[in-house]
């Protein structure tokens, strides 16, 4: 299936910085609760992410990641997930986060 550029442009993917990460013991699969800063235009948003295999809670704050910011919020147990943090599967299907190769301004839109 192919899509048009207009279809792609409707997905708002922005760079944010993880500012806080906490355990999420209520999740069905191992996950963390994340707070991300997307800069002054979008502000702080929350998410949950199944990234416990490759990342510790201590190493996540400060990391820049890409996330979809224009999906409707989704309730995941007690957490209201406001953005979808993006990742790719490793050889075992575990999530590896996607982020810029160098620091970029927060809130920058992927194109």
C-alpha atoms as a PDB file:
ATOM      1  CA  UNK A   1       0.000   0.000   0.000  1.00  0.00           C
ATOM      2  CA  UNK A   2       1.304   3.419  -0.895  1.00  0.00           C
ATOM      3  CA  UNK A   3       0.316   6.710   0.693  1.00  0.00           C
ATOM      4  CA  UNK A   4       0.579  10.284  -0.452  1.00  0.00           C
ATOM      5  CA  UNK A   5       2.884  12.874   1.079  1.00  0.00           C
ATOM      6  CA  UNK A   6      -0.247  14.538   2.495  1.00  0.00           C
ATOM      7  CA  UNK A   7      -1.043  11.302   4.363  1.00  0.00           C
ATOM      8  CA  UNK A   8       2.473  11.277   5.829  1.00  0.00           C
ATOM      9  CA  UNK A   9       2.287  14.978   6.725  1.00  0.00           C
ATOM     10  CA  UNK A  10      -0.791  14.382   8.902  1.00  0.00           C
ATOM     11  CA  UNK A  11       1.345  12.326  11.305  1.00  0.00           C
ATOM     12  CA  UNK A  12       3.023  14.884  13.571  1.00  0.00           C
ATOM     13  CA  UNK A  13       6.342  13.388  14.687  1.00  0.00           C
ATOM     14  CA  UNK A  14       8.376  15.633  16.981  1.00  0.00           C
ATOM     15  CA  UNK A  15      11.556  15.418  19.016  1.00  0.00           C
ATOM     16  CA  UNK A  16      11.231  15.517  22.781  1.00  0.00           C
ATOM     17  CA  UNK A  17      13.562  15.037  25.721  1.00  0.00           C
ATOM     18  CA  UNK A  18      12.778  12.488  28.400  1.00  0.00           C
ATOM     19  CA  UNK A  19      12.773  14.474  31.634  1.00  0.00           C
ATOM     20  CA  UNK A  20      11.558  11.748  34.000  1.00  0.00           C
ATOM     21  CA  UNK A  21      11.153   7.972  33.947  1.00  0.00           C
ATOM     22  CA  UNK A  22       9.470   5.783  36.559  1.00  0.00           C
ATOM     23  CA  UNK A  23       8.588   2.112  36.911  1.00  0.00           C
ATOM     24  CA  UNK A  24       5.156   1.072  35.632  1.00  0.00           C
ATOM     25  CA  UNK A  25       4.385  -2.083  37.667  1.00  0.00           C
ATOM     26  CA  UNK A  26       0.688  -2.039  36.689  1.00  0.00           C
ATOM     27  CA  UNK A  27       1.473  -2.547  32.982  1.00  0.00           C
ATOM     28  CA  UNK A  28       0.623  -5.934  31.440  1.00  0.00           C
ATOM     29  CA  UNK A  29       4.074  -6.097  29.802  1.00  0.00           C
ATOM     30  CA  UNK A  30       7.211  -4.594  31.412  1.00  0.00           C
ATOM     31  CA  UNK A  31       7.164  -0.843  30.760  1.00  0.00           C
ATOM     32  CA  UNK A  32       8.189   2.555  32.092  1.00  0.00           C
ATOM     33  CA  UNK A  33       6.173   5.737  32.619  1.00  0.00           C
ATOM     34  CA  UNK A  34       7.829   8.629  30.791  1.00  0.00           C
ATOM     35  CA  UNK A  35       7.513  12.422  30.966  1.00  0.00           C
ATOM     36  CA  UNK A  36       8.799  14.218  27.883  1.00  0.00           C
ATOM     37  CA  UNK A  37       9.470  17.890  27.145  1.00  0.00           C
ATOM     38  CA  UNK A  38       8.620  18.948  23.586  1.00  0.00           C
ATOM     39  CA  UNK A  39       9.531  22.615  24.028  1.00  0.00           C
ATOM     40  CA  UNK A  40       7.320  25.700  24.436  1.00  0.00           C
ATOM     41  CA  UNK A  41       4.874  24.994  21.573  1.00  0.00           C
ATOM     42  CA  UNK A  42       3.765  21.532  22.791  1.00  0.00           C
ATOM     43  CA  UNK A  43       5.061  21.419  26.362  1.00  0.00           C
ATOM     44  CA  UNK A  44       5.333  18.394  28.629  1.00  0.00           C
ATOM     45  CA  UNK A  45       3.551  15.149  27.728  1.00  0.00           C
ATOM     46  CA  UNK A  46       3.327  11.692  29.293  1.00  0.00           C
ATOM     47  CA  UNK A  47       3.679   8.267  27.768  1.00  0.00           C
ATOM     48  CA  UNK A  48       4.383   4.668  28.623  1.00  0.00           C
ATOM     49  CA  UNK A  49       6.926   2.594  26.758  1.00  0.00           C
ATOM     50  CA  UNK A  50       7.893  -1.072  26.718  1.00  0.00           C
ATOM     51  CA  UNK A  51      11.610  -0.351  26.683  1.00  0.00           C
ATOM     52  CA  UNK A  52      12.821  -2.140  29.825  1.00  0.00           C
ATOM     53  CA  UNK A  53      15.043  -4.613  27.945  1.00  0.00           C
ATOM     54  CA  UNK A  54      17.550  -2.049  26.639  1.00  0.00           C
ATOM     55  CA  UNK A  55      17.160   0.929  28.983  1.00  0.00           C
ATOM     56  CA  UNK A  56      17.386   1.562  32.715  1.00  0.00           C
ATOM     57  CA  UNK A  57      15.389   4.258  34.486  1.00  0.00           C
ATOM     58  CA  UNK A  58      18.613   6.103  35.293  1.00  0.00           C
ATOM     59  CA  UNK A  59      19.840   6.421  31.700  1.00  0.00           C
ATOM     60  CA  UNK A  60      16.588   7.680  30.134  1.00  0.00           C
ATOM     61  CA  UNK A  61      16.379  11.269  31.456  1.00  0.00           C
ATOM     62  CA  UNK A  62      18.119  13.613  29.045  1.00  0.00           C
ATOM     63  CA  UNK A  63      17.699  11.343  26.000  1.00  0.00           C
ATOM     64  CA  UNK A  64      16.057  12.885  22.926  1.00  0.00           C
ATOM     65  CA  UNK A  65      13.482  10.666  21.205  1.00  0.00           C
ATOM     66  CA  UNK A  66      10.932  10.906  18.417  1.00  0.00           C
ATOM     67  CA  UNK A  67       7.226  10.640  19.199  1.00  0.00           C
ATOM     68  CA  UNK A  68       3.884  11.020  17.469  1.00  0.00           C
ATOM     69  CA  UNK A  69       2.219  13.967  19.217  1.00  0.00           C
ATOM     70  CA  UNK A  70      -1.148  14.147  17.423  1.00  0.00           C
ATOM     71  CA  UNK A  71      -2.748  10.817  18.331  1.00  0.00           C
ATOM     72  CA  UNK A  72      -5.619  11.071  20.822  1.00  0.00           C
ATOM     73  CA  UNK A  73      -4.629  10.291  24.429  1.00  0.00           C
ATOM     74  CA  UNK A  74      -4.930   6.635  25.384  1.00  0.00           C
ATOM     75  CA  UNK A  75      -5.589   5.276  28.853  1.00  0.00           C
ATOM     76  CA  UNK A  76      -3.121   2.494  29.715  1.00  0.00           C
ATOM     77  CA  UNK A  77      -4.042   1.291  33.185  1.00  0.00           C
ATOM     78  CA  UNK A  78      -3.601   4.257  35.522  1.00  0.00           C
ATOM     79  CA  UNK A  79      -1.490   6.179  32.972  1.00  0.00           C
ATOM     80  CA  UNK A  80      -2.891   8.551  30.364  1.00  0.00           C
ATOM     81  CA  UNK A  81      -0.496   8.181  27.428  1.00  0.00           C
ATOM     82  CA  UNK A  82      -0.489  11.435  25.456  1.00  0.00           C
ATOM     83  CA  UNK A  83       2.194  10.658  22.854  1.00  0.00           C
ATOM     84  CA  UNK A  84       3.528   7.549  21.115  1.00  0.00           C
ATOM     85  CA  UNK A  85       7.286   7.238  21.613  1.00  0.00           C
ATOM     86  CA  UNK A  86       8.797   5.606  18.521  1.00  0.00           C
ATOM     87  CA  UNK A  87      11.179   2.685  18.329  1.00  0.00           C
ATOM     88  CA  UNK A  88      12.388  -0.148  16.158  1.00  0.00           C
ATOM     89  CA  UNK A  89      12.626  -3.854  16.999  1.00  0.00           C
ATOM     90  CA  UNK A  90      16.008  -5.442  17.601  1.00  0.00           C
ATOM     91  CA  UNK A  91      16.721  -9.015  16.433  1.00  0.00           C
ATOM     92  CA  UNK A  92      14.634 -10.342  19.362  1.00  0.00           C
ATOM     93  CA  UNK A  93      11.709  -7.944  18.804  1.00  0.00           C
ATOM     94  CA  UNK A  94      12.639  -5.703  21.761  1.00  0.00           C
ATOM     95  CA  UNK A  95      12.211  -1.935  21.342  1.00  0.00           C
ATOM     96  CA  UNK A  96      15.167   0.313  20.539  1.00  0.00           C
ATOM     97  CA  UNK A  97      14.263   4.012  20.771  1.00  0.00           C
ATOM     98  CA  UNK A  98      14.504   6.299  17.731  1.00  0.00           C
ATOM     99  CA  UNK A  99      16.143   9.671  18.233  1.00  0.00           C
ATOM    100  CA  UNK A 100      18.363  12.206  16.474  1.00  0.00           C
ATOM    101  CA  UNK A 101      22.076  11.500  16.123  1.00  0.00           C
ATOM    102  CA  UNK A 102      22.874  14.836  17.787  1.00  0.00           C
ATOM    103  CA  UNK A 103      20.991  17.288  19.990  1.00  0.00           C
ATOM    104  CA  UNK A 104      18.343  19.254  18.122  1.00  0.00           C
ATOM    105  CA  UNK A 105      15.849  21.903  19.318  1.00  0.00           C
ATOM    106  CA  UNK A 106      12.953  20.419  21.274  1.00  0.00           C
ATOM    107  CA  UNK A 107       9.684  20.201  19.387  1.00  0.00           C
ATOM    108  CA  UNK A 108      11.348  19.997  15.970  1.00  0.00           C
ATOM    109  CA  UNK A 109       9.072  18.258  13.489  1.00  0.00           C
ATOM    110  CA  UNK A 110      10.333  15.313  11.469  1.00  0.00           C
ATOM    111  CA  UNK A 111      10.183  15.751   7.703  1.00  0.00           C
END
